Amino acid sequence: MVDTDRITGAARALGGEVQGVVGGLAGSDRDSVAGRLREAQGNAENLYGQAKDAVRHAADEVSDHAADAYDRGRRYAWEGHQKSTEWPHASLVVAGLVGFGLGLLVSKL
């Protein structure tokens, strides 16, 4: 989705460019300078809209990656739970070994 600042900025820049050219052709320095100023404002507004679009796009991608990671984590946790219910004795042995290892680490400190 294109940001409205990009659209209005491009329109303002085009209008300013036309005003600057017409003012220059007519010999009106005031119109020429006003047109160039309006063109610069339009370009700045367009760049601001582009920056907002880039940030919005990056936020959407981060959100998508976070949702994927959450789904993978849920799936792995569920698979682990299923394995622990299939082999409860193995789960107890692994938990005991982890506890023993932690106990050794704590006793060394």
C-alpha atoms as a PDB file:
ATOM      1  CA  MET A   1       0.000   0.000   0.000  1.00  0.00           C
ATOM      2  CA  VAL A   2       1.415   3.350  -1.046  1.00  0.00           C
ATOM      3  CA  ASP A   3       1.505   6.067   1.572  1.00  0.00           C
ATOM      4  CA  THR A   4      -0.592   9.176   0.867  1.00  0.00           C
ATOM      5  CA  ASP A   5       2.441  11.379   1.570  1.00  0.00           C
ATOM      6  CA  ARG A   6       4.124   9.869  -1.471  1.00  0.00           C
ATOM      7  CA  ILE A   7       1.153  10.704  -3.705  1.00  0.00           C
ATOM      8  CA  THR A   8       0.636  14.241  -2.449  1.00  0.00           C
ATOM      9  CA  GLY A   9       4.394  14.851  -2.440  1.00  0.00           C
ATOM     10  CA  ALA A  10       4.734  13.763  -6.060  1.00  0.00           C
ATOM     11  CA  ALA A  11       1.761  15.936  -7.065  1.00  0.00           C
ATOM     12  CA  ARG A  12       3.164  18.931  -5.181  1.00  0.00           C
ATOM     13  CA  ALA A  13       6.597  18.432  -6.753  1.00  0.00           C
ATOM     14  CA  LEU A  14       5.099  18.259 -10.234  1.00  0.00           C
ATOM     15  CA  GLY A  15       2.977  21.363  -9.617  1.00  0.00           C
ATOM     16  CA  GLY A  16       5.989  23.216  -8.264  1.00  0.00           C
ATOM     17  CA  GLU A  17       8.105  22.218 -11.241  1.00  0.00           C
ATOM     18  CA  VAL A  18       5.428  23.461 -13.644  1.00  0.00           C
ATOM     19  CA  GLN A  19       5.049  26.703 -11.680  1.00  0.00           C
ATOM     20  CA  GLY A  20       8.820  27.201 -11.687  1.00  0.00           C
ATOM     21  CA  VAL A  21       9.122  26.634 -15.428  1.00  0.00           C
ATOM     22  CA  VAL A  22       6.148  28.866 -16.250  1.00  0.00           C
ATOM     23  CA  GLY A  23       7.464  31.568 -13.918  1.00  0.00           C
ATOM     24  CA  GLY A  24      10.878  31.335 -15.541  1.00  0.00           C
ATOM     25  CA  LEU A  25       9.405  31.561 -19.045  1.00  0.00           C
ATOM     26  CA  ALA A  26       7.219  34.492 -18.035  1.00  0.00           C
ATOM     27  CA  GLY A  27      10.184  36.255 -16.464  1.00  0.00           C
ATOM     28  CA  SER A  28       8.632  36.208 -12.985  1.00  0.00           C
ATOM     29  CA  ASP A  29      11.387  35.456 -10.506  1.00  0.00           C
ATOM     30  CA  ARG A  30       8.846  35.347  -7.682  1.00  0.00           C
ATOM     31  CA  ASP A  31       6.795  32.578  -9.348  1.00  0.00           C
ATOM     32  CA  SER A  32       9.930  30.728 -10.395  1.00  0.00           C
ATOM     33  CA  VAL A  33      11.331  30.700  -6.842  1.00  0.00           C
ATOM     34  CA  ALA A  34       7.939  29.823  -5.324  1.00  0.00           C
ATOM     35  CA  GLY A  35       7.619  26.957  -7.802  1.00  0.00           C
ATOM     36  CA  ARG A  36      11.068  25.604  -6.986  1.00  0.00           C
ATOM     37  CA  LEU A  37      10.300  25.846  -3.266  1.00  0.00           C
ATOM     38  CA  ARG A  38       7.014  24.006  -3.773  1.00  0.00           C
ATOM     39  CA  GLU A  39       8.855  21.361  -5.814  1.00  0.00           C
ATOM     40  CA  ALA A  40      11.403  20.879  -3.017  1.00  0.00           C
ATOM     41  CA  GLN A  41       8.608  20.554  -0.436  1.00  0.00           C
ATOM     42  CA  GLY A  42       6.910  17.951  -2.619  1.00  0.00           C
ATOM     43  CA  ASN A  43      10.136  15.964  -2.989  1.00  0.00           C
ATOM     44  CA  ALA A  44      10.661  16.037   0.768  1.00  0.00           C
ATOM     45  CA  GLU A  45       7.103  14.871   1.401  1.00  0.00           C
ATOM     46  CA  ASN A  46       7.549  12.093  -1.157  1.00  0.00           C
ATOM     47  CA  LEU A  47      10.761  10.935   0.565  1.00  0.00           C
ATOM     48  CA  TYR A  48       8.985  10.979   3.922  1.00  0.00           C
ATOM     49  CA  GLY A  49       6.241   8.768   2.478  1.00  0.00           C
ATOM     50  CA  GLN A  50       8.842   6.387   1.061  1.00  0.00           C
ATOM     51  CA  ALA A  51      10.489   6.127   4.484  1.00  0.00           C
ATOM     52  CA  LYS A  52       7.137   5.373   6.117  1.00  0.00           C
ATOM     53  CA  ASP A  53       6.471   2.671   3.511  1.00  0.00           C
ATOM     54  CA  ALA A  54       9.897   1.118   4.138  1.00  0.00           C
ATOM     55  CA  VAL A  55       9.341   1.047   7.912  1.00  0.00           C
ATOM     56  CA  ARG A  56       5.859  -0.427   7.473  1.00  0.00           C
ATOM     57  CA  HIS A  57       7.234  -3.116   5.151  1.00  0.00           C
ATOM     58  CA  ALA A  58      10.043  -3.983   7.592  1.00  0.00           C
ATOM     59  CA  ALA A  59       7.580  -4.205  10.492  1.00  0.00           C
ATOM     60  CA  ASP A  60       5.343  -6.536   8.478  1.00  0.00           C
ATOM     61  CA  GLU A  61       8.296  -8.799   7.678  1.00  0.00           C
ATOM     62  CA  VAL A  62       9.399  -8.906  11.326  1.00  0.00           C
ATOM     63  CA  SER A  63       5.850  -9.760  12.360  1.00  0.00           C
ATOM     64  CA  ASP A  64       5.708 -12.571   9.802  1.00  0.00           C
ATOM     65  CA  HIS A  65       9.046 -13.999  10.968  1.00  0.00           C
ATOM     66  CA  ALA A  66       7.950 -13.822  14.606  1.00  0.00           C
ATOM     67  CA  ALA A  67       4.715 -15.645  13.818  1.00  0.00           C
ATOM     68  CA  ASP A  68       6.648 -18.353  11.951  1.00  0.00           C
ATOM     69  CA  ALA A  69       9.087 -18.758  14.843  1.00  0.00           C
ATOM     70  CA  TYR A  70       6.206 -18.990  17.305  1.00  0.00           C
ATOM     71  CA  ASP A  71       4.504 -21.671  15.209  1.00  0.00           C
ATOM     72  CA  ARG A  72       7.748 -23.668  14.910  1.00  0.00           C
ATOM     73  CA  GLY A  73       8.305 -23.401  18.674  1.00  0.00           C
ATOM     74  CA  ARG A  74       4.785 -24.611  19.382  1.00  0.00           C
ATOM     75  CA  ARG A  75       5.242 -27.523  17.016  1.00  0.00           C
ATOM     76  CA  TYR A  76       8.597 -28.517  18.558  1.00  0.00           C
ATOM     77  CA  ALA A  77       7.170 -28.245  22.065  1.00  0.00           C
ATOM     78  CA  TRP A  78       4.219 -30.423  21.078  1.00  0.00           C
ATOM     79  CA  GLU A  79       6.495 -33.001  19.454  1.00  0.00           C
ATOM     80  CA  GLY A  80       8.672 -33.014  22.576  1.00  0.00           C
ATOM     81  CA  HIS A  81       5.618 -33.501  24.732  1.00  0.00           C
ATOM     82  CA  GLN A  82       4.491 -36.403  22.557  1.00  0.00           C
ATOM     83  CA  LYS A  83       7.925 -38.048  22.812  1.00  0.00           C
ATOM     84  CA  SER A  84       7.964 -37.608  26.591  1.00  0.00           C
ATOM     85  CA  THR A  85       4.600 -39.345  26.909  1.00  0.00           C
ATOM     86  CA  GLU A  86       5.767 -42.180  24.617  1.00  0.00           C
ATOM     87  CA  TRP A  87       8.946 -42.785  26.614  1.00  0.00           C
ATOM     88  CA  PRO A  88       8.377 -41.515  30.167  1.00  0.00           C
ATOM     89  CA  HIS A  89      11.368 -43.413  31.582  1.00  0.00           C
ATOM     90  CA  ALA A  90      13.726 -41.842  29.063  1.00  0.00           C
ATOM     91  CA  SER A  91      12.383 -38.413  30.020  1.00  0.00           C
ATOM     92  CA  LEU A  92      13.099 -39.120  33.689  1.00  0.00           C
ATOM     93  CA  VAL A  93      16.661 -40.242  32.879  1.00  0.00           C
ATOM     94  CA  VAL A  94      17.307 -37.100  30.806  1.00  0.00           C
ATOM     95  CA  ALA A  95      15.865 -34.875  33.551  1.00  0.00           C
ATOM     96  CA  GLY A  96      18.052 -36.670  36.120  1.00  0.00           C
ATOM     97  CA  LEU A  97      21.173 -36.209  33.996  1.00  0.00           C
ATOM     98  CA  VAL A  98      20.432 -32.518  33.516  1.00  0.00           C
ATOM     99  CA  GLY A  99      19.908 -32.112  37.266  1.00  0.00           C
ATOM    100  CA  PHE A 100      23.129 -33.985  38.001  1.00  0.00           C
ATOM    101  CA  GLY A 101      25.022 -31.795  35.520  1.00  0.00           C
ATOM    102  CA  LEU A 102      23.630 -28.628  37.042  1.00  0.00           C
ATOM    103  CA  GLY A 103      24.541 -29.899  40.496  1.00  0.00           C
ATOM    104  CA  LEU A 104      28.139 -30.441  39.389  1.00  0.00           C
ATOM    105  CA  LEU A 105      28.288 -26.917  37.928  1.00  0.00           C
ATOM    106  CA  VAL A 106      26.912 -25.358  41.095  1.00  0.00           C
ATOM    107  CA  SER A 107      29.221 -27.310  43.366  1.00  0.00           C
ATOM    108  CA  LYS A 108      32.279 -26.125  41.353  1.00  0.00           C
ATOM    109  CA  LEU A 109      31.385 -22.494  41.926  1.00  0.00           C
END
